[in-house]
Amino acid sequence: MSLNTNDYVKYITQTVVKYIDQPKDERKKIRQERKSSKESFLFRWFGIIPYMFMNKKKK
């Protein structure tokens, strides 16, 4: 499936306008929720393996 350039520009424009139309407080709240639900760096990049090694070192 290939996207037409006009379709892509239309999508980007709609996304930006939707973002701008949101109140500033709502944007901050959404950004904060997304930030708090994010996994840690090690887990995102390497999965659970680093945690297993870290737990062994602590014991």
Protein backbone atom coordinates (compact mmCIF):
# COMPACT_ATOMS: atom_id res chain seq x y z
CA MET A 1 0.00 0.00 0.00
CA SER A 2 1.53 3.28 -1.03
CA LEU A 3 0.46 6.57 0.44
CA ASN A 4 -0.10 9.49 -1.79
CA THR A 5 1.82 12.63 -0.76
CA ASN A 6 -1.44 14.57 -0.50
CA ASP A 7 -2.87 11.95 1.87
CA TYR A 8 0.20 12.19 4.06
CA VAL A 9 0.08 15.99 4.17
CA LYS A 10 -3.64 15.82 4.97
CA TYR A 11 -3.02 13.38 7.85
CA ILE A 12 -0.20 15.49 9.31
CA THR A 13 -2.30 18.66 9.02
CA GLN A 14 -5.27 17.02 10.75
CA THR A 15 -3.04 15.73 13.54
CA VAL A 16 -1.45 19.14 14.14
CA VAL A 17 -4.80 20.96 14.08
CA LYS A 18 -6.30 18.41 16.49
CA TYR A 19 -3.34 18.94 18.84
CA ILE A 20 -3.53 22.73 18.65
CA ASP A 21 -7.29 22.76 19.26
CA GLN A 22 -6.86 20.96 22.60
CA PRO A 23 -6.67 23.17 25.68
CA LYS A 24 -3.17 23.55 27.11
CA ASP A 25 -4.13 21.87 30.39
CA GLU A 26 -5.45 18.82 28.55
CA ARG A 27 -2.24 18.56 26.50
CA LYS A 28 -0.16 18.66 29.69
CA LYS A 29 -2.35 16.02 31.33
CA ILE A 30 -2.08 13.67 28.32
CA ARG A 31 1.69 14.18 28.14
CA GLN A 32 2.04 13.45 31.88
CA GLU A 33 -0.09 10.28 31.62
CA ARG A 34 1.97 9.03 28.68
CA LYS A 35 5.20 9.75 30.54
CA SER A 36 4.10 7.94 33.69
CA SER A 37 2.94 4.84 31.84
CA LYS A 38 6.24 4.44 29.98
CA GLU A 39 8.52 1.56 31.00
CA SER A 40 12.06 2.23 32.12
CA PHE A 41 14.87 2.59 29.60
CA LEU A 42 16.37 -0.85 30.26
CA PHE A 43 13.05 -2.61 29.94
CA ARG A 44 12.09 -0.81 26.72
CA TRP A 45 15.40 -1.54 24.99
CA PHE A 46 16.41 -4.91 26.38
CA GLY A 47 13.31 -6.54 27.87
CA ILE A 48 13.33 -8.34 31.18
CA ILE A 49 16.86 -9.80 30.94
CA PRO A 50 18.68 -6.80 32.56
CA TYR A 51 16.25 -6.91 35.50
CA MET A 52 17.06 -10.57 36.09
CA PHE A 53 20.78 -9.77 36.29
CA MET A 54 20.21 -6.73 38.50
CA ASN A 55 18.15 -8.79 40.96
CA LYS A 56 20.90 -11.42 41.20
CA LYS A 57 23.50 -8.74 42.04
CA LYS A 58 21.31 -7.27 44.80
CA LYS A 59 20.86 -10.65 46.53
